[in-house]
N, C-alpha and C. Protein backbone atom coordinates (compact mmCIF):
# COMPACT_ATOMS: atom_id res chain seq x y z
N MET A 1 -87.57 -68.09 112.95
CA MET A 1 -87.37 -68.42 111.55
C MET A 1 -87.92 -69.82 111.31
N GLN A 2 -88.58 -69.99 110.16
CA GLN A 2 -89.13 -71.29 109.82
C GLN A 2 -88.00 -72.24 109.41
N LYS A 3 -88.27 -73.52 109.58
CA LYS A 3 -87.32 -74.55 109.18
C LYS A 3 -86.99 -74.41 107.69
N ASN A 4 -85.72 -74.61 107.34
CA ASN A 4 -85.24 -74.57 105.96
C ASN A 4 -85.34 -73.19 105.31
N GLN A 5 -85.45 -72.14 106.10
CA GLN A 5 -85.48 -70.79 105.53
C GLN A 5 -84.10 -70.17 105.69
N PRO A 6 -83.64 -69.41 104.67
CA PRO A 6 -82.33 -68.77 104.78
C PRO A 6 -82.32 -67.73 105.89
N ALA A 7 -81.15 -67.51 106.46
CA ALA A 7 -81.01 -66.48 107.49
C ALA A 7 -81.26 -65.12 106.86
N GLN A 8 -81.89 -64.21 107.61
CA GLN A 8 -82.20 -62.87 107.11
C GLN A 8 -80.92 -62.05 107.12
N THR A 9 -80.42 -61.68 105.95
CA THR A 9 -79.20 -60.88 105.86
C THR A 9 -79.49 -59.49 105.32
N LYS A 10 -80.61 -59.31 104.63
CA LYS A 10 -80.99 -58.01 104.10
C LYS A 10 -82.03 -57.39 105.03
N PRO A 11 -82.27 -56.08 104.89
CA PRO A 11 -83.35 -55.47 105.68
C PRO A 11 -84.68 -56.14 105.33
N TYR A 12 -85.58 -56.13 106.29
CA TYR A 12 -86.89 -56.71 106.04
C TYR A 12 -87.61 -55.98 104.92
N LYS A 13 -88.41 -56.72 104.17
CA LYS A 13 -89.20 -56.13 103.10
C LYS A 13 -90.32 -55.29 103.69
N ILE A 14 -90.66 -54.22 102.99
CA ILE A 14 -91.80 -53.40 103.35
C ILE A 14 -93.05 -54.12 102.83
N PRO A 15 -94.09 -54.29 103.65
CA PRO A 15 -95.27 -55.04 103.20
C PRO A 15 -96.20 -54.20 102.31
N GLN A 16 -95.60 -53.51 101.36
CA GLN A 16 -96.33 -52.76 100.35
C GLN A 16 -95.65 -53.05 99.02
N SER A 17 -96.41 -53.58 98.07
CA SER A 17 -95.82 -53.99 96.80
C SER A 17 -96.70 -53.57 95.63
N VAL A 18 -96.13 -53.72 94.44
CA VAL A 18 -96.88 -53.46 93.21
C VAL A 18 -97.06 -54.76 92.45
N LEU A 19 -98.11 -54.80 91.68
CA LEU A 19 -98.37 -55.84 90.69
C LEU A 19 -98.54 -55.09 89.38
N VAL A 20 -97.71 -55.40 88.39
CA VAL A 20 -97.79 -54.73 87.09
C VAL A 20 -98.12 -55.77 86.03
N VAL A 21 -99.32 -55.67 85.47
CA VAL A 21 -99.77 -56.57 84.42
C VAL A 21 -99.31 -55.97 83.09
N ILE A 22 -98.31 -56.58 82.48
CA ILE A 22 -97.76 -56.11 81.20
C ILE A 22 -98.51 -56.83 80.09
N HIS A 23 -99.06 -56.05 79.16
CA HIS A 23 -99.90 -56.64 78.12
C HIS A 23 -99.75 -55.89 76.80
N THR A 24 -100.10 -56.56 75.73
CA THR A 24 -100.10 -55.96 74.40
C THR A 24 -101.48 -55.33 74.14
N PRO A 25 -101.62 -54.55 73.07
CA PRO A 25 -102.95 -54.03 72.73
C PRO A 25 -103.97 -55.14 72.49
N GLU A 26 -103.51 -56.32 72.06
CA GLU A 26 -104.40 -57.47 71.83
C GLU A 26 -104.68 -58.24 73.11
N LEU A 27 -104.16 -57.78 74.23
CA LEU A 27 -104.33 -58.37 75.56
C LEU A 27 -103.63 -59.71 75.73
N ASP A 28 -102.51 -59.88 75.04
CA ASP A 28 -101.60 -60.96 75.39
C ASP A 28 -100.81 -60.46 76.59
N VAL A 29 -100.58 -61.33 77.55
CA VAL A 29 -99.99 -60.94 78.84
C VAL A 29 -98.61 -61.58 79.00
N LEU A 30 -97.66 -60.78 79.45
CA LEU A 30 -96.31 -61.28 79.74
C LEU A 30 -96.34 -62.00 81.08
N MET A 31 -96.02 -63.29 81.07
CA MET A 31 -95.99 -64.09 82.28
C MET A 31 -94.55 -64.52 82.56
N LEU A 32 -94.17 -64.49 83.83
CA LEU A 32 -92.80 -64.80 84.26
C LEU A 32 -92.82 -66.00 85.21
N GLU A 33 -91.91 -66.94 84.99
CA GLU A 33 -91.80 -68.10 85.88
C GLU A 33 -90.74 -67.81 86.94
N ARG A 34 -91.12 -67.92 88.19
CA ARG A 34 -90.22 -67.60 89.30
C ARG A 34 -89.03 -68.56 89.36
N ALA A 35 -87.85 -68.01 89.61
CA ALA A 35 -86.64 -68.84 89.74
C ALA A 35 -86.65 -69.60 91.06
N ASP A 36 -87.17 -68.98 92.13
CA ASP A 36 -87.16 -69.64 93.43
C ASP A 36 -88.31 -70.64 93.61
N ARG A 37 -89.25 -70.65 92.69
CA ARG A 37 -90.38 -71.57 92.72
C ARG A 37 -90.75 -71.96 91.29
N PRO A 38 -89.97 -72.83 90.66
CA PRO A 38 -90.31 -73.25 89.29
C PRO A 38 -91.76 -73.74 89.22
N GLY A 39 -92.43 -73.34 88.16
CA GLY A 39 -93.84 -73.69 88.00
C GLY A 39 -94.78 -72.62 88.52
N PHE A 40 -94.27 -71.64 89.27
CA PHE A 40 -95.07 -70.52 89.76
C PHE A 40 -94.92 -69.39 88.75
N TRP A 41 -96.02 -69.02 88.10
CA TRP A 41 -96.02 -67.97 87.08
C TRP A 41 -96.74 -66.75 87.61
N GLN A 42 -96.26 -65.58 87.18
CA GLN A 42 -96.82 -64.33 87.68
C GLN A 42 -96.51 -63.18 86.73
N SER A 43 -97.13 -62.04 87.02
CA SER A 43 -96.78 -60.77 86.38
C SER A 43 -95.62 -60.18 87.18
N VAL A 44 -95.20 -58.98 86.82
CA VAL A 44 -94.15 -58.29 87.58
C VAL A 44 -94.70 -57.92 88.95
N THR A 45 -93.93 -58.21 89.99
CA THR A 45 -94.28 -57.82 91.35
C THR A 45 -93.03 -57.33 92.06
N GLY A 46 -93.22 -56.56 93.10
CA GLY A 46 -92.08 -56.13 93.88
C GLY A 46 -92.47 -55.14 94.95
N SER A 47 -91.68 -55.12 96.00
CA SER A 47 -91.95 -54.25 97.15
C SER A 47 -91.31 -52.89 97.00
N LYS A 48 -91.88 -51.94 97.74
CA LYS A 48 -91.28 -50.61 97.82
C LYS A 48 -89.90 -50.73 98.46
N ASP A 49 -88.98 -49.87 98.03
CA ASP A 49 -87.65 -49.81 98.66
C ASP A 49 -87.68 -48.95 99.92
N ALA A 50 -88.61 -48.00 99.96
CA ALA A 50 -88.78 -47.12 101.12
C ALA A 50 -90.27 -46.85 101.27
N ILE A 51 -90.72 -46.69 102.49
CA ILE A 51 -92.15 -46.51 102.76
C ILE A 51 -92.72 -45.31 102.00
N GLU A 52 -91.89 -44.27 101.80
CA GLU A 52 -92.37 -43.05 101.13
C GLU A 52 -92.24 -43.12 99.60
N GLU A 53 -91.67 -44.20 99.07
CA GLU A 53 -91.53 -44.34 97.62
C GLU A 53 -92.91 -44.35 96.97
N PRO A 54 -93.15 -43.50 95.97
CA PRO A 54 -94.46 -43.51 95.29
C PRO A 54 -94.70 -44.84 94.58
N TRP A 55 -95.97 -45.24 94.52
CA TRP A 55 -96.34 -46.50 93.89
C TRP A 55 -95.80 -46.58 92.46
N ALA A 56 -95.98 -45.50 91.68
CA ALA A 56 -95.55 -45.52 90.27
C ALA A 56 -94.05 -45.70 90.15
N GLU A 57 -93.30 -45.09 91.06
CA GLU A 57 -91.84 -45.25 91.03
C GLU A 57 -91.46 -46.71 91.30
N THR A 58 -92.16 -47.34 92.21
CA THR A 58 -91.91 -48.77 92.49
C THR A 58 -92.22 -49.60 91.25
N ALA A 59 -93.34 -49.30 90.60
CA ALA A 59 -93.72 -50.05 89.39
C ALA A 59 -92.67 -49.90 88.29
N ILE A 60 -92.22 -48.68 88.05
CA ILE A 60 -91.22 -48.42 87.00
C ILE A 60 -89.93 -49.18 87.30
N ARG A 61 -89.48 -49.13 88.56
CA ARG A 61 -88.25 -49.81 88.96
C ARG A 61 -88.37 -51.32 88.81
N GLU A 62 -89.47 -51.88 89.28
CA GLU A 62 -89.64 -53.33 89.23
C GLU A 62 -89.76 -53.85 87.80
N VAL A 63 -90.45 -53.12 86.93
CA VAL A 63 -90.55 -53.53 85.53
C VAL A 63 -89.15 -53.58 84.91
N ALA A 64 -88.35 -52.54 85.16
CA ALA A 64 -86.99 -52.50 84.60
C ALA A 64 -86.13 -53.64 85.17
N GLU A 65 -86.20 -53.86 86.49
CA GLU A 65 -85.39 -54.90 87.12
C GLU A 65 -85.74 -56.30 86.63
N GLU A 66 -87.04 -56.58 86.49
CA GLU A 66 -87.47 -57.94 86.19
C GLU A 66 -87.55 -58.27 84.71
N THR A 67 -87.74 -57.24 83.85
CA THR A 67 -87.95 -57.51 82.42
C THR A 67 -86.98 -56.76 81.51
N GLY A 68 -86.27 -55.78 82.05
CA GLY A 68 -85.40 -54.95 81.21
C GLY A 68 -86.15 -53.89 80.43
N ILE A 69 -87.47 -53.80 80.60
CA ILE A 69 -88.27 -52.80 79.90
C ILE A 69 -88.19 -51.48 80.66
N ALA A 70 -87.75 -50.43 79.96
CA ALA A 70 -87.66 -49.10 80.56
C ALA A 70 -88.95 -48.34 80.26
N ILE A 71 -89.49 -47.70 81.29
CA ILE A 71 -90.66 -46.84 81.13
C ILE A 71 -90.12 -45.42 81.19
N VAL A 72 -90.25 -44.68 80.09
CA VAL A 72 -89.57 -43.39 79.95
C VAL A 72 -90.54 -42.30 79.52
N ALA A 73 -90.09 -41.04 79.69
CA ALA A 73 -90.87 -39.90 79.23
C ALA A 73 -90.94 -39.92 77.71
N ASP A 74 -92.04 -39.40 77.16
CA ASP A 74 -92.17 -39.34 75.69
C ASP A 74 -90.98 -38.64 75.07
N GLY A 75 -90.62 -39.08 73.89
CA GLY A 75 -89.50 -38.49 73.17
C GLY A 75 -88.17 -39.09 73.55
N LYS A 76 -88.11 -39.89 74.60
CA LYS A 76 -86.85 -40.48 75.05
C LYS A 76 -86.77 -41.96 74.71
N ILE A 77 -87.71 -42.44 73.92
CA ILE A 77 -87.71 -43.85 73.55
C ILE A 77 -86.72 -44.06 72.42
N ASP A 78 -85.59 -44.66 72.75
CA ASP A 78 -84.55 -44.84 71.75
C ASP A 78 -84.02 -46.27 71.71
N LYS A 79 -84.76 -47.19 72.31
CA LYS A 79 -84.31 -48.58 72.26
C LYS A 79 -85.51 -49.50 72.19
N SER A 80 -85.26 -50.74 71.84
CA SER A 80 -86.34 -51.69 71.62
C SER A 80 -87.00 -52.18 72.91
N ALA A 81 -86.43 -51.82 74.05
CA ALA A 81 -87.00 -52.26 75.33
C ALA A 81 -87.47 -51.07 76.14
N ALA A 82 -88.11 -50.10 75.48
CA ALA A 82 -88.61 -48.92 76.18
C ALA A 82 -90.02 -48.58 75.71
N VAL A 83 -90.82 -48.08 76.65
CA VAL A 83 -92.18 -47.61 76.33
C VAL A 83 -92.41 -46.29 77.05
N SER A 84 -93.36 -45.53 76.53
CA SER A 84 -93.71 -44.25 77.12
C SER A 84 -94.42 -44.44 78.46
N ILE A 85 -94.15 -43.53 79.37
CA ILE A 85 -94.81 -43.57 80.68
C ILE A 85 -96.32 -43.42 80.54
N GLU A 86 -96.77 -42.88 79.42
CA GLU A 86 -98.22 -42.76 79.18
C GLU A 86 -98.90 -44.12 79.11
N HIS A 87 -98.14 -45.18 78.89
CA HIS A 87 -98.71 -46.53 78.79
C HIS A 87 -98.76 -47.26 80.13
N LEU A 88 -98.27 -46.61 81.19
CA LEU A 88 -98.37 -47.16 82.54
C LEU A 88 -99.63 -46.60 83.18
N HIS A 89 -100.56 -47.47 83.54
CA HIS A 89 -101.84 -47.04 84.09
C HIS A 89 -102.00 -47.52 85.53
N ASP A 90 -102.22 -46.57 86.42
CA ASP A 90 -102.52 -46.87 87.81
C ASP A 90 -104.00 -47.24 87.88
N TRP A 91 -104.29 -48.46 88.24
CA TRP A 91 -105.66 -48.93 88.26
C TRP A 91 -106.43 -48.43 89.49
N GLN A 92 -105.75 -47.71 90.38
CA GLN A 92 -106.40 -47.24 91.60
C GLN A 92 -107.05 -48.41 92.34
N LEU A 93 -106.32 -49.51 92.40
CA LEU A 93 -106.81 -50.74 93.01
C LEU A 93 -105.71 -51.30 93.89
N SER A 94 -106.05 -51.58 95.14
CA SER A 94 -105.11 -52.22 96.05
C SER A 94 -105.75 -53.47 96.64
N ASN A 95 -104.96 -54.51 96.75
CA ASN A 95 -105.39 -55.76 97.37
C ASN A 95 -104.59 -55.94 98.65
N VAL A 96 -105.25 -56.42 99.68
CA VAL A 96 -104.55 -56.77 100.92
C VAL A 96 -104.70 -58.28 101.07
N TYR A 97 -103.56 -58.94 101.26
CA TYR A 97 -103.61 -60.40 101.35
C TYR A 97 -102.61 -60.90 102.38
N GLU A 98 -102.84 -62.14 102.81
CA GLU A 98 -101.93 -62.81 103.72
C GLU A 98 -100.65 -63.16 102.96
N ILE A 99 -99.51 -62.87 103.56
CA ILE A 99 -98.23 -63.20 102.95
C ILE A 99 -98.08 -64.73 102.97
N TYR A 100 -97.69 -65.30 101.83
CA TYR A 100 -97.48 -66.74 101.76
C TYR A 100 -96.42 -67.13 102.80
N PRO A 101 -96.69 -68.17 103.60
CA PRO A 101 -95.74 -68.58 104.64
C PRO A 101 -94.32 -68.81 104.13
N VAL A 102 -94.18 -69.32 102.91
CA VAL A 102 -92.86 -69.60 102.36
C VAL A 102 -92.01 -68.33 102.24
N TRP A 103 -92.65 -67.16 102.16
CA TRP A 103 -91.92 -65.90 102.04
C TRP A 103 -92.01 -65.05 103.31
N GLY A 104 -92.61 -65.57 104.36
CA GLY A 104 -92.79 -64.81 105.59
C GLY A 104 -91.50 -64.33 106.23
N TYR A 105 -90.42 -65.10 106.09
CA TYR A 105 -89.14 -64.73 106.71
C TYR A 105 -88.58 -63.42 106.16
N ARG A 106 -89.05 -62.99 105.00
CA ARG A 106 -88.55 -61.75 104.39
C ARG A 106 -89.08 -60.50 105.09
N TYR A 107 -90.10 -60.67 105.91
CA TYR A 107 -90.77 -59.54 106.56
C TYR A 107 -90.46 -59.54 108.05
N ALA A 108 -90.62 -58.39 108.67
CA ALA A 108 -90.37 -58.26 110.11
C ALA A 108 -91.28 -59.22 110.88
N PRO A 109 -90.81 -59.68 112.04
CA PRO A 109 -91.64 -60.57 112.86
C PRO A 109 -93.02 -59.94 113.12
N GLY A 110 -94.05 -60.75 112.99
CA GLY A 110 -95.41 -60.28 113.23
C GLY A 110 -96.11 -59.72 112.00
N VAL A 111 -95.37 -59.44 110.93
CA VAL A 111 -95.99 -58.92 109.70
C VAL A 111 -96.54 -60.12 108.92
N THR A 112 -97.85 -60.11 108.69
CA THR A 112 -98.49 -61.23 108.01
C THR A 112 -99.30 -60.81 106.78
N ARG A 113 -99.49 -59.49 106.61
CA ARG A 113 -100.32 -59.02 105.50
C ARG A 113 -99.54 -58.04 104.64
N ASN A 114 -99.82 -58.05 103.35
CA ASN A 114 -99.18 -57.17 102.38
C ASN A 114 -100.26 -56.40 101.61
N THR A 115 -99.98 -55.14 101.31
CA THR A 115 -100.85 -54.35 100.44
C THR A 115 -100.19 -54.29 99.07
N GLU A 116 -100.94 -54.70 98.06
CA GLU A 116 -100.44 -54.78 96.68
C GLU A 116 -101.23 -53.78 95.84
N HIS A 117 -100.52 -52.85 95.18
CA HIS A 117 -101.15 -51.84 94.34
C HIS A 117 -100.98 -52.25 92.88
N VAL A 118 -102.06 -52.17 92.09
CA VAL A 118 -102.09 -52.74 90.75
C VAL A 118 -101.93 -51.68 89.65
N PHE A 119 -101.08 -52.01 88.67
CA PHE A 119 -100.87 -51.19 87.48
C PHE A 119 -101.02 -52.07 86.25
N GLY A 120 -101.33 -51.44 85.13
CA GLY A 120 -101.28 -52.09 83.83
C GLY A 120 -100.24 -51.37 82.99
N LEU A 121 -99.53 -52.09 82.15
CA LEU A 121 -98.54 -51.50 81.25
C LEU A 121 -98.75 -52.08 79.86
N ARG A 122 -99.16 -51.21 78.92
CA ARG A 122 -99.36 -51.64 77.54
C ARG A 122 -98.06 -51.48 76.76
N VAL A 123 -97.65 -52.55 76.10
CA VAL A 123 -96.39 -52.56 75.36
C VAL A 123 -96.62 -53.15 73.97
N PRO A 124 -95.74 -52.84 73.00
CA PRO A 124 -95.85 -53.52 71.71
C PRO A 124 -95.46 -54.99 71.85
N ARG A 125 -96.05 -55.84 71.04
CA ARG A 125 -95.83 -57.29 71.12
C ARG A 125 -94.36 -57.66 70.91
N ASP A 126 -93.64 -56.86 70.13
CA ASP A 126 -92.26 -57.20 69.81
C ASP A 126 -91.24 -56.54 70.74
N ILE A 127 -91.69 -56.04 71.88
CA ILE A 127 -90.75 -55.40 72.81
C ILE A 127 -89.73 -56.42 73.30
N ALA A 128 -88.51 -55.98 73.44
CA ALA A 128 -87.45 -56.86 73.94
C ALA A 128 -87.62 -57.09 75.44
N VAL A 129 -87.55 -58.33 75.86
CA VAL A 129 -87.65 -58.70 77.27
C VAL A 129 -86.34 -59.36 77.68
N THR A 130 -85.74 -58.83 78.75
CA THR A 130 -84.50 -59.40 79.29
C THR A 130 -84.76 -59.71 80.76
N LEU A 131 -84.83 -60.98 81.09
CA LEU A 131 -85.15 -61.38 82.46
C LEU A 131 -83.96 -61.23 83.39
N SER A 132 -84.26 -61.00 84.66
CA SER A 132 -83.27 -61.08 85.72
C SER A 132 -83.18 -62.56 86.11
N PRO A 133 -82.06 -63.24 85.81
CA PRO A 133 -81.99 -64.68 86.05
C PRO A 133 -82.12 -65.08 87.52
N ARG A 134 -81.81 -64.19 88.43
CA ARG A 134 -81.97 -64.55 89.84
C ARG A 134 -83.45 -64.52 90.26
N GLU A 135 -84.29 -63.85 89.44
CA GLU A 135 -85.72 -63.76 89.77
C GLU A 135 -86.61 -64.67 88.94
N HIS A 136 -86.27 -64.83 87.63
CA HIS A 136 -87.16 -65.58 86.74
C HIS A 136 -86.39 -66.50 85.80
N LEU A 137 -87.00 -67.65 85.53
CA LEU A 137 -86.40 -68.66 84.65
C LEU A 137 -86.71 -68.40 83.18
N ARG A 138 -87.95 -68.03 82.91
CA ARG A 138 -88.36 -67.81 81.52
C ARG A 138 -89.64 -66.98 81.51
N TYR A 139 -90.01 -66.56 80.29
CA TYR A 139 -91.24 -65.81 80.13
C TYR A 139 -92.03 -66.35 78.95
N GLU A 140 -93.32 -66.05 78.96
CA GLU A 140 -94.20 -66.40 77.84
C GLU A 140 -95.22 -65.30 77.68
N TRP A 141 -95.63 -65.06 76.43
CA TRP A 141 -96.77 -64.20 76.13
C TRP A 141 -97.97 -65.11 75.98
N LEU A 142 -99.02 -64.87 76.75
CA LEU A 142 -100.20 -65.72 76.70
C LEU A 142 -101.45 -64.87 76.52
N PRO A 143 -102.47 -65.37 75.82
CA PRO A 143 -103.76 -64.68 75.79
C PRO A 143 -104.25 -64.51 77.22
N TRP A 144 -104.98 -63.43 77.48
CA TRP A 144 -105.30 -63.06 78.85
C TRP A 144 -105.98 -64.16 79.66
N ARG A 145 -106.87 -64.92 79.09
CA ARG A 145 -107.53 -65.99 79.87
C ARG A 145 -106.53 -67.07 80.28
N GLU A 146 -105.67 -67.46 79.34
CA GLU A 146 -104.64 -68.47 79.65
C GLU A 146 -103.67 -67.94 80.70
N ALA A 147 -103.33 -66.66 80.59
CA ALA A 147 -102.42 -66.06 81.57
C ALA A 147 -103.04 -66.10 82.97
N ALA A 148 -104.31 -65.77 83.07
CA ALA A 148 -104.99 -65.81 84.37
C ALA A 148 -104.99 -67.22 84.93
N ASP A 149 -105.22 -68.20 84.08
CA ASP A 149 -105.22 -69.60 84.52
C ASP A 149 -103.84 -70.05 84.99
N ARG A 150 -102.79 -69.49 84.43
CA ARG A 150 -101.42 -69.90 84.74
C ARG A 150 -100.94 -69.32 86.09
N CYS A 151 -101.52 -68.23 86.54
CA CYS A 151 -101.06 -67.55 87.77
C CYS A 151 -101.20 -68.42 89.00
N PHE A 152 -100.21 -68.36 89.88
CA PHE A 152 -100.35 -69.03 91.17
C PHE A 152 -101.04 -68.12 92.17
N SER A 153 -101.04 -66.81 91.92
CA SER A 153 -101.62 -65.83 92.84
C SER A 153 -103.03 -65.45 92.40
N ALA A 154 -103.98 -65.54 93.33
CA ALA A 154 -105.37 -65.19 93.01
C ALA A 154 -105.50 -63.72 92.65
N SER A 155 -104.80 -62.83 93.35
CA SER A 155 -104.93 -61.40 93.04
C SER A 155 -104.36 -61.09 91.66
N ASN A 156 -103.32 -61.78 91.25
CA ASN A 156 -102.74 -61.60 89.92
C ASN A 156 -103.73 -62.09 88.86
N ALA A 157 -104.31 -63.25 89.07
CA ALA A 157 -105.29 -63.79 88.12
C ALA A 157 -106.49 -62.85 88.00
N GLU A 158 -106.98 -62.35 89.13
CA GLU A 158 -108.13 -61.43 89.10
C GLU A 158 -107.80 -60.16 88.34
N ALA A 159 -106.59 -59.63 88.50
CA ALA A 159 -106.19 -58.42 87.78
C ALA A 159 -106.17 -58.69 86.27
N ILE A 160 -105.61 -59.81 85.87
CA ILE A 160 -105.56 -60.14 84.44
C ILE A 160 -106.96 -60.28 83.87
N LEU A 161 -107.87 -60.85 84.63
CA LEU A 161 -109.25 -61.02 84.16
C LEU A 161 -109.96 -59.68 83.97
N GLN A 162 -109.43 -58.60 84.55
CA GLN A 162 -110.01 -57.27 84.38
C GLN A 162 -109.56 -56.58 83.09
N LEU A 163 -108.56 -57.13 82.41
CA LEU A 163 -108.01 -56.46 81.22
C LEU A 163 -109.07 -56.09 80.18
N PRO A 164 -109.95 -57.00 79.75
CA PRO A 164 -110.92 -56.62 78.72
C PRO A 164 -111.82 -55.46 79.16
N GLU A 165 -112.19 -55.45 80.43
CA GLU A 165 -113.03 -54.37 80.96
C GLU A 165 -112.28 -53.04 80.97
N ARG A 166 -111.01 -53.09 81.31
CA ARG A 166 -110.22 -51.87 81.42
C ARG A 166 -109.70 -51.35 80.08
N TYR A 167 -109.39 -52.27 79.16
CA TYR A 167 -108.74 -51.86 77.91
C TYR A 167 -109.48 -52.29 76.66
N GLY A 168 -110.52 -53.10 76.79
CA GLY A 168 -111.18 -53.63 75.61
C GLY A 168 -110.35 -54.75 75.03
N ASP A 169 -110.98 -55.59 74.22
CA ASP A 169 -110.22 -56.70 73.64
C ASP A 169 -110.34 -56.75 72.12
N GLY A 170 -110.73 -55.64 71.52
CA GLY A 170 -110.86 -55.63 70.06
C GLY A 170 -112.19 -56.22 69.64
N ARG A 171 -112.45 -57.46 70.05
CA ARG A 171 -113.72 -58.10 69.69
C ARG A 171 -114.88 -57.37 70.33
N ALA A 172 -114.71 -56.89 71.55
CA ALA A 172 -115.78 -56.16 72.22
C ALA A 172 -116.11 -54.89 71.46
N ASP A 173 -115.08 -54.18 70.98
CA ASP A 173 -115.31 -52.97 70.21
C ASP A 173 -116.04 -53.30 68.91
N PHE A 174 -115.64 -54.38 68.25
CA PHE A 174 -116.28 -54.81 67.01
C PHE A 174 -117.74 -55.16 67.27
N LEU A 175 -117.99 -55.89 68.35
CA LEU A 175 -119.35 -56.29 68.69
C LEU A 175 -120.20 -55.06 68.96
N HIS A 176 -119.65 -54.07 69.67
CA HIS A 176 -120.39 -52.85 69.96
C HIS A 176 -120.79 -52.14 68.67
N VAL A 177 -119.88 -52.06 67.71
CA VAL A 177 -120.18 -51.42 66.43
C VAL A 177 -121.29 -52.18 65.72
N CYS A 178 -121.21 -53.52 65.70
CA CYS A 178 -122.24 -54.32 65.04
C CYS A 178 -123.60 -54.11 65.69
N VAL A 179 -123.65 -54.14 67.01
CA VAL A 179 -124.90 -53.96 67.73
C VAL A 179 -125.44 -52.56 67.48
N SER A 180 -124.58 -51.55 67.48
CA SER A 180 -125.02 -50.17 67.23
C SER A 180 -125.64 -50.05 65.85
N HIS A 181 -125.01 -50.65 64.84
CA HIS A 181 -125.55 -50.58 63.48
C HIS A 181 -126.90 -51.29 63.40
N ARG A 182 -127.03 -52.42 64.06
CA ARG A 182 -128.31 -53.14 64.05
C ARG A 182 -129.38 -52.32 64.74
N THR A 183 -129.03 -51.72 65.88
CA THR A 183 -129.99 -50.90 66.61
C THR A 183 -130.42 -49.72 65.77
N ASP A 184 -129.46 -49.07 65.12
CA ASP A 184 -129.78 -47.93 64.26
C ASP A 184 -130.70 -48.36 63.11
N ALA A 185 -130.44 -49.54 62.54
CA ALA A 185 -131.26 -50.04 61.44
C ALA A 185 -132.69 -50.30 61.90
N LEU A 186 -132.85 -50.75 63.13
CA LEU A 186 -134.19 -51.02 63.65
C LEU A 186 -134.98 -49.74 63.86
N LYS A 187 -134.28 -48.64 64.13
CA LYS A 187 -134.95 -47.35 64.36
C LYS A 187 -135.50 -46.78 63.06
N GLU A 188 -134.93 -47.17 61.93
CA GLU A 188 -135.35 -46.60 60.63
C GLU A 188 -136.65 -47.16 60.16
């Protein structure tokens, strides 16, 4: 055990986790400040509870635990902190990275790498957010570029920077329409 690290009292974490980038249709991103590391901002993250737990199940659980946002089947949305499961997108992207030494004690001896599977979750801007105080101090909605700059994790920042490519940013759609009309006008 490293100096100044708490004794391991819980089972070791599974080195497989999710990263869920929660964003609005306008690509404002929900950023969370870690309680155990003030000044460290991130999207929702969390490890599988069991090796066989499906990635999507981990994502749904972690979003609910960290933000209070429920991801539910269509027709079951009856509260201000719920969204349809149709808005949870598996990006089919996994990152493998070295576990930060400060959190190494949470994993079995010899485990140094984690596989992180990435999801996007589109939510309305006015969705209710209720933080888990043991995990996060506060949250902010930031435009995607600012959110990427705020991240302490490179893989989190890189995922946020993919938002316009994956979902469009409104301006890109407008630009495409303008260019299409100009191109059509040139053909006439």
